[in-house]
Amino acid sequence: RVASFMFANDVSGRNFSFLDGVKGGHHELSHHENNQKKIEQ
């Protein structure tokens, strides 16, 4: 009756290039520096 799930570890650099328009790792893109292209991904 109790479960937990981690989609990925913290600081995950998982590549999400299977999504249209996404290039690079998750952690890298989260540090978007207010760059609009990074924010969109």
All heavy atoms as atom14 arrays in JSON, in Angstrom:
{
  "sequence": "RVASFMFANDVSGRNFSFLDGVKGGHHELSHHENNQKKIEQ",
  "atom14_mask": [
    [1, 1, 1, 1, 1, 1, 1, 1, 1, 1, 1, 0, 0, 0],
    [1, 1, 1, 1, 1, 1, 1, 0, 0, 0, 0, 0, 0, 0],
    [1, 1, 1, 1, 1, 0, 0, 0, 0, 0, 0, 0, 0, 0],
    [1, 1, 1, 1, 1, 1, 0, 0, 0, 0, 0, 0, 0, 0],
    [1, 1, 1, 1, 1, 1, 1, 1, 1, 1, 1, 0, 0, 0],
    [1, 1, 1, 1, 1, 1, 1, 1, 0, 0, 0, 0, 0, 0],
    [1, 1, 1, 1, 1, 1, 1, 1, 1, 1, 1, 0, 0, 0],
    [1, 1, 1, 1, 1, 0, 0, 0, 0, 0, 0, 0, 0, 0],
    [1, 1, 1, 1, 1, 1, 1, 1, 0, 0, 0, 0, 0, 0],
    [1, 1, 1, 1, 1, 1, 1, 1, 0, 0, 0, 0, 0, 0],
    [1, 1, 1, 1, 1, 1, 1, 0, 0, 0, 0, 0, 0, 0],
    [1, 1, 1, 1, 1, 1, 0, 0, 0, 0, 0, 0, 0, 0],
    [1, 1, 1, 1, 0, 0, 0, 0, 0, 0, 0, 0, 0, 0],
    [1, 1, 1, 1, 1, 1, 1, 1, 1, 1, 1, 0, 0, 0],
    [1, 1, 1, 1, 1, 1, 1, 1, 0, 0, 0, 0, 0, 0],
    [1, 1, 1, 1, 1, 1, 1, 1, 1, 1, 1, 0, 0, 0],
    [1, 1, 1, 1, 1, 1, 0, 0, 0, 0, 0, 0, 0, 0],
    [1, 1, 1, 1, 1, 1, 1, 1, 1, 1, 1, 0, 0, 0],
    [1, 1, 1, 1, 1, 1, 1, 1, 0, 0, 0, 0, 0, 0],
    [1, 1, 1, 1, 1, 1, 1, 1, 0, 0, 0, 0, 0, 0],
    [1, 1, 1, 1, 0, 0, 0, 0, 0, 0, 0, 0, 0, 0],
    [1, 1, 1, 1, 1, 1, 1, 0, 0, 0, 0, 0, 0, 0],
    [1, 1, 1, 1, 1, 1, 1, 1, 1, 0, 0, 0, 0, 0],
    [1, 1, 1, 1, 0, 0, 0, 0, 0, 0, 0, 0, 0, 0],
    [1, 1, 1, 1, 0, 0, 0, 0, 0, 0, 0, 0, 0, 0],
    [1, 1, 1, 1, 1, 1, 1, 1, 1, 1, 0, 0, 0, 0],
    [1, 1, 1, 1, 1, 1, 1, 1, 1, 1, 0, 0, 0, 0],
    [1, 1, 1, 1, 1, 1, 1, 1, 1, 0, 0, 0, 0, 0],
    [1, 1, 1, 1, 1, 1, 1, 1, 0, 0, 0, 0, 0, 0],
    [1, 1, 1, 1, 1, 1, 0, 0, 0, 0, 0, 0, 0, 0],
    [1, 1, 1, 1, 1, 1, 1, 1, 1, 1, 0, 0, 0, 0],
    [1, 1, 1, 1, 1, 1, 1, 1, 1, 1, 0, 0, 0, 0],
    [1, 1, 1, 1, 1, 1, 1, 1, 1, 0, 0, 0, 0, 0],
    [1, 1, 1, 1, 1, 1, 1, 1, 0, 0, 0, 0, 0, 0],
    [1, 1, 1, 1, 1, 1, 1, 1, 0, 0, 0, 0, 0, 0],
    [1, 1, 1, 1, 1, 1, 1, 1, 1, 0, 0, 0, 0, 0],
    [1, 1, 1, 1, 1, 1, 1, 1, 1, 0, 0, 0, 0, 0],
    [1, 1, 1, 1, 1, 1, 1, 1, 1, 0, 0, 0, 0, 0],
    [1, 1, 1, 1, 1, 1, 1, 1, 0, 0, 0, 0, 0, 0],
    [1, 1, 1, 1, 1, 1, 1, 1, 1, 0, 0, 0, 0, 0],
    [1, 1, 1, 1, 1, 1, 1, 1, 1, 0, 0, 0, 0, 0]
  ],
  "atom14_positions": [
    [[0.82, -1.21, 0.0], [0.0, 0.0, 0.0], [0.85, 1.26, 0.0], [0.33, 2.37, 0.06], [-0.94, -0.01, 1.21], [-1.92, -1.17, 1.17], [-2.77, -1.29, 2.41], [-3.59, -2.5, 2.36], [-4.37, -2.93, 3.35], [-4.43, -2.25, 4.5], [-5.07, -4.05, 3.21], [0.0, 0.0, 0.0], [0.0, 0.0, 0.0], [0.0, 0.0, 0.0]],
    [[2.19, 1.07, -0.08], [3.11, 2.2, -0.04], [4.19, 1.99, -1.1], [4.79, 0.91, -1.17], [3.78, 2.34, 1.34], [4.68, 3.56, 1.38], [2.73, 2.39, 2.45], [0.0, 0.0, 0.0], [0.0, 0.0, 0.0], [0.0, 0.0, 0.0], [0.0, 0.0, 0.0], [0.0, 0.0, 0.0], [0.0, 0.0, 0.0], [0.0, 0.0, 0.0]],
    [[4.46, 3.01, -1.91], [5.49, 2.88, -2.94], [6.15, 4.22, -3.19], [5.55, 5.27, -2.97], [4.88, 2.34, -4.24], [0.0, 0.0, 0.0], [0.0, 0.0, 0.0], [0.0, 0.0, 0.0], [0.0, 0.0, 0.0], [0.0, 0.0, 0.0], [0.0, 0.0, 0.0], [0.0, 0.0, 0.0], [0.0, 0.0, 0.0], [0.0, 0.0, 0.0]],
    [[7.4, 4.15, -3.64], [8.11, 5.34, -4.1], [8.76, 5.02, -5.43], [9.08, 3.86, -5.71], [9.16, 5.79, -3.07], [10.18, 4.82, -2.93], [0.0, 0.0, 0.0], [0.0, 0.0, 0.0], [0.0, 0.0, 0.0], [0.0, 0.0, 0.0], [0.0, 0.0, 0.0], [0.0, 0.0, 0.0], [0.0, 0.0, 0.0], [0.0, 0.0, 0.0]],
    [[8.97, 6.04, -6.23], [9.56, 5.85, -7.56], [10.41, 7.05, -7.93], [9.97, 8.19, -7.81], [8.46, 5.65, -8.6], [8.98, 5.47, -10.01], [9.71, 4.35, -10.35], [8.74, 6.42, -10.98], [10.2, 4.17, -11.64], [9.22, 6.27, -12.27], [9.95, 5.13, -12.6], [0.0, 0.0, 0.0], [0.0, 0.0, 0.0], [0.0, 0.0, 0.0]],
    [[11.63, 6.76, -8.39], [12.52, 7.8, -8.89], [12.63, 7.65, -10.41], [13.15, 6.64, -10.89], [13.89, 7.71, -8.24], [13.89, 7.95, -6.74], [15.57, 7.94, -6.01], [16.23, 9.52, -6.63], [0.0, 0.0, 0.0], [0.0, 0.0, 0.0], [0.0, 0.0, 0.0], [0.0, 0.0, 0.0], [0.0, 0.0, 0.0], [0.0, 0.0, 0.0]],
    [[12.11, 8.63, -11.15], [12.25, 8.6, -12.6], [13.72, 8.53, -13.0], [14.06, 7.92, -14.01], [11.6, 9.84, -13.22], [10.11, 9.72, -13.4], [9.24, 10.02, -12.36], [9.57, 9.3, -14.61], [7.87, 9.91, -12.52], [8.2, 9.19, -14.79], [7.34, 9.49, -13.73], [0.0, 0.0, 0.0], [0.0, 0.0, 0.0], [0.0, 0.0, 0.0]],
    [[14.56, 9.15, -12.22], [16.01, 9.12, -12.44], [16.68, 9.62, -11.17], [16.03, 10.21, -10.3], [16.41, 9.98, -13.64], [0.0, 0.0, 0.0], [0.0, 0.0, 0.0], [0.0, 0.0, 0.0], [0.0, 0.0, 0.0], [0.0, 0.0, 0.0], [0.0, 0.0, 0.0], [0.0, 0.0, 0.0], [0.0, 0.0, 0.0], [0.0, 0.0, 0.0]],
    [[17.97, 9.39, -11.06], [18.72, 9.91, -9.92], [18.85, 11.42, -10.01], [18.67, 12.02, -11.08], [20.12, 9.29, -9.86], [20.08, 7.82, -9.5], [19.09, 7.31, -8.96], [21.17, 7.11, -9.78], [0.0, 0.0, 0.0], [0.0, 0.0, 0.0], [0.0, 0.0, 0.0], [0.0, 0.0, 0.0], [0.0, 0.0, 0.0], [0.0, 0.0, 0.0]],
    [[19.18, 12.03, -8.89], [19.45, 13.46, -8.86], [20.63, 13.78, -9.78], [21.49, 12.93, -10.04], [19.79, 13.86, -7.41], [19.9, 15.35, -7.24], [19.38, 16.1, -8.08], [20.51, 15.77, -6.25], [0.0, 0.0, 0.0], [0.0, 0.0, 0.0], [0.0, 0.0, 0.0], [0.0, 0.0, 0.0], [0.0, 0.0, 0.0], [0.0, 0.0, 0.0]],
    [[20.68, 14.99, -10.28], [21.72, 15.46, -11.2], [21.75, 14.58, -12.46], [22.81, 14.36, -13.05], [23.12, 15.49, -10.54], [24.04, 16.44, -11.3], [23.05, 15.95, -9.08], [0.0, 0.0, 0.0], [0.0, 0.0, 0.0], [0.0, 0.0, 0.0], [0.0, 0.0, 0.0], [0.0, 0.0, 0.0], [0.0, 0.0, 0.0], [0.0, 0.0, 0.0]],
    [[20.59, 14.03, -12.82], [20.55, 13.12, -13.97], [20.85, 13.85, -15.27], [20.28, 14.89, -15.56], [19.17, 12.47, -14.07], [19.07, 11.71, -15.27], [0.0, 0.0, 0.0], [0.0, 0.0, 0.0], [0.0, 0.0, 0.0], [0.0, 0.0, 0.0], [0.0, 0.0, 0.0], [0.0, 0.0, 0.0], [0.0, 0.0, 0.0], [0.0, 0.0, 0.0]],
    [[21.78, 13.29, -16.02], [22.09, 13.82, -17.35], [21.41, 13.03, -18.44], [21.86, 13.04, -19.59], [0.0, 0.0, 0.0], [0.0, 0.0, 0.0], [0.0, 0.0, 0.0], [0.0, 0.0, 0.0], [0.0, 0.0, 0.0], [0.0, 0.0, 0.0], [0.0, 0.0, 0.0], [0.0, 0.0, 0.0], [0.0, 0.0, 0.0], [0.0, 0.0, 0.0]],
    [[20.32, 12.35, -18.1], [19.59, 11.52, -19.06], [19.35, 12.27, -20.36], [18.91, 13.42, -20.37], [18.26, 11.09, -18.45], [17.27, 10.45, -19.39], [17.68, 9.07, -19.81], [17.76, 8.15, -18.68], [18.09, 6.87, -18.8], [18.41, 6.39, -19.99], [18.15, 6.09, -17.73], [0.0, 0.0, 0.0], [0.0, 0.0, 0.0], [0.0, 0.0, 0.0]],
    [[19.65, 11.62, -21.48], [19.45, 12.23, -22.79], [17.99, 12.08, -23.22], [17.46, 10.97, -23.23], [20.38, 11.57, -23.81], [20.42, 12.33, -25.12], [19.39, 12.57, -25.74], [21.61, 12.7, -25.55], [0.0, 0.0, 0.0], [0.0, 0.0, 0.0], [0.0, 0.0, 0.0], [0.0, 0.0, 0.0], [0.0, 0.0, 0.0], [0.0, 0.0, 0.0]],
    [[17.34, 13.18, -23.54], [15.95, 13.16, -23.94], [15.79, 13.48, -25.42], [14.78, 14.06, -25.85], [15.14, 14.16, -23.1], [14.72, 13.62, -21.76], [15.6, 13.63, -20.7], [13.45, 13.09, -21.58], [15.22, 13.13, -19.46], [13.06, 12.58, -20.35], [13.94, 12.61, -19.29], [0.0, 0.0, 0.0], [0.0, 0.0, 0.0], [0.0, 0.0, 0.0]],
    [[16.75, 13.08, -26.22], [16.68, 13.38, -27.65], [15.56, 12.63, -28.35], [15.27, 12.9, -29.52], [18.02, 13.04, -28.32], [18.36, 11.68, -28.13], [0.0, 0.0, 0.0], [0.0, 0.0, 0.0], [0.0, 0.0, 0.0], [0.0, 0.0, 0.0], [0.0, 0.0, 0.0], [0.0, 0.0, 0.0], [0.0, 0.0, 0.0], [0.0, 0.0, 0.0]],
    [[14.91, 11.7, -27.65], [13.74, 11.04, -28.25], [12.54, 11.98, -28.31], [11.54, 11.68, -28.96], [13.37, 9.76, -27.47], [13.08, 9.96, -26.0], [11.83, 10.39, -25.59], [14.05, 9.7, -25.05], [11.56, 10.56, -24.24], [13.78, 9.86, -23.7], [12.53, 10.29, -23.29], [0.0, 0.0, 0.0], [0.0, 0.0, 0.0], [0.0, 0.0, 0.0]],
    [[12.64, 13.13, -27.65], [11.6, 14.16, -27.74], [11.95, 15.13, -28.85], [13.11, 15.55, -28.98], [11.46, 14.92, -26.42], [11.04, 14.11, -25.19], [11.02, 15.01, -23.95], [9.68, 13.47, -25.4], [0.0, 0.0, 0.0], [0.0, 0.0, 0.0], [0.0, 0.0, 0.0], [0.0, 0.0, 0.0], [0.0, 0.0, 0.0], [0.0, 0.0, 0.0]],
    [[10.96, 15.5, -29.64], [11.19, 16.43, -30.75], [11.79, 17.74, -30.24], [11.27, 18.35, -29.3], [9.88, 16.73, -31.48], [9.37, 15.53, -32.27], [10.18, 14.63, -32.54], [8.17, 15.51, -32.6], [0.0, 0.0, 0.0], [0.0, 0.0, 0.0], [0.0, 0.0, 0.0], [0.0, 0.0, 0.0], [0.0, 0.0, 0.0], [0.0, 0.0, 0.0]],
    [[12.86, 18.15, -30.86], [13.45, 19.43, -30.55], [14.33, 19.46, -29.32], [14.83, 20.53, -28.93], [0.0, 0.0, 0.0], [0.0, 0.0, 0.0], [0.0, 0.0, 0.0], [0.0, 0.0, 0.0], [0.0, 0.0, 0.0], [0.0, 0.0, 0.0], [0.0, 0.0, 0.0], [0.0, 0.0, 0.0], [0.0, 0.0, 0.0], [0.0, 0.0, 0.0]],
    [[14.57, 18.3, -28.69], [15.39, 18.26, -27.47], [16.75, 17.64, -27.79], [16.83, 16.56, -28.37], [14.7, 17.45, -26.35], [15.61, 17.35, -25.13], [13.38, 18.1, -25.98], [0.0, 0.0, 0.0], [0.0, 0.0, 0.0], [0.0, 0.0, 0.0], [0.0, 0.0, 0.0], [0.0, 0.0, 0.0], [0.0, 0.0, 0.0], [0.0, 0.0, 0.0]],
    [[17.79, 18.34, -27.41], [19.16, 17.86, -27.59], [19.92, 18.09, -26.29], [19.75, 19.12, -25.63], [19.85, 18.59, -28.74], [19.18, 18.4, -30.1], [19.91, 19.17, -31.19], [19.24, 18.98, -32.53], [19.93, 19.75, -33.61], [0.0, 0.0, 0.0], [0.0, 0.0, 0.0], [0.0, 0.0, 0.0], [0.0, 0.0, 0.0], [0.0, 0.0, 0.0]],
    [[20.76, 17.15, -25.93], [21.54, 17.3, -24.71], [20.89, 16.63, -23.52], [19.8, 16.06, -23.6], [0.0, 0.0, 0.0], [0.0, 0.0, 0.0], [0.0, 0.0, 0.0], [0.0, 0.0, 0.0], [0.0, 0.0, 0.0], [0.0, 0.0, 0.0], [0.0, 0.0, 0.0], [0.0, 0.0, 0.0], [0.0, 0.0, 0.0], [0.0, 0.0, 0.0]],
    [[21.6, 16.69, -22.39], [21.16, 16.01, -21.19], [20.21, 16.84, -20.35], [20.17, 18.08, -20.43], [0.0, 0.0, 0.0], [0.0, 0.0, 0.0], [0.0, 0.0, 0.0], [0.0, 0.0, 0.0], [0.0, 0.0, 0.0], [0.0, 0.0, 0.0], [0.0, 0.0, 0.0], [0.0, 0.0, 0.0], [0.0, 0.0, 0.0], [0.0, 0.0, 0.0]],
    [[19.43, 16.16, -19.5], [18.43, 16.81, -18.67], [19.06, 17.84, -17.73], [18.6, 18.98, -17.63], [17.68, 15.73, -17.88], [16.5, 16.24, -17.13], [15.79, 15.45, -16.25], [15.88, 17.45, -17.1], [14.79, 16.14, -15.74], [14.83, 17.36, -16.22], [0.0, 0.0, 0.0], [0.0, 0.0, 0.0], [0.0, 0.0, 0.0], [0.0, 0.0, 0.0]],
    [[20.1, 17.44, -17.0], [20.72, 18.35, -16.04], [21.28, 19.58, -16.73], [21.11, 20.71, -16.26], [21.82, 17.61, -15.27], [22.47, 18.46, -14.23], [23.85, 18.57, -14.1], [21.95, 19.24, -13.25], [24.12, 19.39, -13.09], [23.0, 19.8, -12.57], [0.0, 0.0, 0.0], [0.0, 0.0, 0.0], [0.0, 0.0, 0.0], [0.0, 0.0, 0.0]],
    [[21.92, 19.38, -17.86], [22.49, 20.5, -18.6], [21.41, 21.49, -19.02], [21.55, 22.7, -18.87], [23.22, 19.98, -19.84], [23.72, 21.08, -20.77], [24.15, 20.55, -22.12], [24.14, 19.31, -22.31], [24.48, 21.38, -22.99], [0.0, 0.0, 0.0], [0.0, 0.0, 0.0], [0.0, 0.0, 0.0], [0.0, 0.0, 0.0], [0.0, 0.0, 0.0]],
    [[20.29, 20.97, -19.5], [19.21, 21.85, -19.96], [18.51, 22.54, -18.8], [17.97, 23.64, -18.97], [18.21, 21.04, -20.79], [18.72, 20.54, -22.14], [17.73, 19.59, -22.77], [19.0, 21.72, -23.07], [0.0, 0.0, 0.0], [0.0, 0.0, 0.0], [0.0, 0.0, 0.0], [0.0, 0.0, 0.0], [0.0, 0.0, 0.0], [0.0, 0.0, 0.0]],
    [[18.5, 21.9, -17.62], [17.88, 22.55, -16.46], [18.65, 23.79, -16.04], [18.08, 24.72, -15.47], [17.78, 21.56, -15.29], [19.03, 21.31, -14.7], [0.0, 0.0, 0.0], [0.0, 0.0, 0.0], [0.0, 0.0, 0.0], [0.0, 0.0, 0.0], [0.0, 0.0, 0.0], [0.0, 0.0, 0.0], [0.0, 0.0, 0.0], [0.0, 0.0, 0.0]],
    [[19.95, 23.84, -16.34], [20.75, 25.05, -16.12], [20.61, 25.93, -17.37], [21.57, 26.15, -18.12], [22.21, 24.68, -15.86], [22.44, 24.08, -14.51], [22.85, 24.83, -13.43], [22.28, 22.82, -14.06], [22.95, 24.04, -12.36], [22.62, 22.81, -12.72], [0.0, 0.0, 0.0], [0.0, 0.0, 0.0], [0.0, 0.0, 0.0], [0.0, 0.0, 0.0]],
    [[19.41, 26.45, -17.55], [19.05, 27.11, -18.8], [19.65, 28.5, -18.95], [19.74, 29.03, -20.05], [17.54, 27.19, -18.93], [16.86, 27.76, -17.71], [16.86, 29.11, -17.41], [16.17, 27.15, -16.72], [16.2, 29.31, -16.29], [15.76, 28.14, -15.84], [0.0, 0.0, 0.0], [0.0, 0.0, 0.0], [0.0, 0.0, 0.0], [0.0, 0.0, 0.0]],
    [[20.05, 29.12, -17.84], [20.64, 30.46, -17.87], [19.74, 31.45, -18.6], [20.22, 32.39, -19.24], [22.03, 30.41, -18.52], [23.01, 29.52, -17.76], [24.33, 29.37, -18.47], [24.31, 29.22, -19.72], [25.36, 29.39, -17.8], [0.0, 0.0, 0.0], [0.0, 0.0, 0.0], [0.0, 0.0, 0.0], [0.0, 0.0, 0.0], [0.0, 0.0, 0.0]],
    [[18.41, 31.19, -18.53], [17.41, 32.04, -19.19], [17.58, 32.1, -20.71], [17.1, 33.03, -21.35], [17.42, 33.46, -18.59], [16.93, 33.46, -17.16], [15.93, 32.83, -16.83], [17.66, 34.16, -16.29], [0.0, 0.0, 0.0], [0.0, 0.0, 0.0], [0.0, 0.0, 0.0], [0.0, 0.0, 0.0], [0.0, 0.0, 0.0], [0.0, 0.0, 0.0]],
    [[18.24, 31.09, -21.24], [18.36, 30.95, -22.68], [17.07, 30.32, -23.21], [16.7, 29.22, -22.82], [19.57, 30.06, -23.02], [19.75, 29.86, -24.51], [18.89, 29.33, -25.18], [20.93, 30.25, -25.01], [0.0, 0.0, 0.0], [0.0, 0.0, 0.0], [0.0, 0.0, 0.0], [0.0, 0.0, 0.0], [0.0, 0.0, 0.0], [0.0, 0.0, 0.0]],
    [[16.39, 31.01, -24.1], [15.06, 30.57, -24.53], [15.09, 29.19, -25.17], [14.17, 28.38, -24.97], [14.46, 31.59, -25.5], [12.98, 31.35, -25.81], [12.1, 31.37, -24.57], [12.32, 32.14, -23.65], [11.09, 30.49, -24.55], [0.0, 0.0, 0.0], [0.0, 0.0, 0.0], [0.0, 0.0, 0.0], [0.0, 0.0, 0.0], [0.0, 0.0, 0.0]],
    [[16.11, 28.88, -25.95], [16.18, 27.57, -26.59], [16.32, 26.46, -25.56], [15.69, 25.4, -25.7], [17.35, 27.53, -27.58], [17.15, 28.4, -28.82], [18.29, 28.24, -29.8], [18.04, 29.07, -31.06], [19.16, 28.93, -32.04], [0.0, 0.0, 0.0], [0.0, 0.0, 0.0], [0.0, 0.0, 0.0], [0.0, 0.0, 0.0], [0.0, 0.0, 0.0]],
    [[17.12, 26.7, -24.54], [17.26, 25.71, -23.48], [15.97, 25.58, -22.68], [15.56, 24.48, -22.3], [18.42, 26.08, -22.55], [19.8, 25.78, -23.1], [20.86, 25.96, -22.03], [22.22, 25.52, -22.51], [23.26, 25.64, -21.45], [0.0, 0.0, 0.0], [0.0, 0.0, 0.0], [0.0, 0.0, 0.0], [0.0, 0.0, 0.0], [0.0, 0.0, 0.0]],
    [[15.33, 26.72, -22.42], [14.09, 26.71, -21.64], [13.02, 25.87, -22.36], [12.31, 25.07, -21.73], [13.58, 28.15, -21.42], [14.48, 28.86, -20.4], [12.14, 28.14, -20.94], [14.17, 30.33, -20.25], [0.0, 0.0, 0.0], [0.0, 0.0, 0.0], [0.0, 0.0, 0.0], [0.0, 0.0, 0.0], [0.0, 0.0, 0.0], [0.0, 0.0, 0.0]],
    [[12.91, 26.03, -23.67], [11.91, 25.28, -24.43], [12.15, 23.78, -24.34], [11.21, 22.99, -24.18], [11.93, 25.73, -25.89], [11.39, 27.15, -26.1], [11.57, 27.63, -27.51], [12.16, 26.87, -28.33], [11.13, 28.77, -27.81], [0.0, 0.0, 0.0], [0.0, 0.0, 0.0], [0.0, 0.0, 0.0], [0.0, 0.0, 0.0], [0.0, 0.0, 0.0]],
    [[13.41, 23.38, -24.39], [13.73, 21.95, -24.29], [13.5, 21.44, -22.86], [12.98, 20.33, -22.66], [15.18, 21.73, -24.71], [15.46, 22.07, -26.16], [16.92, 21.92, -26.52], [17.43, 20.81, -26.64], [17.61, 23.05, -26.68], [0.0, 0.0, 0.0], [0.0, 0.0, 0.0], [0.0, 0.0, 0.0], [0.0, 0.0, 0.0], [0.0, 0.0, 0.0]]
  ]
}
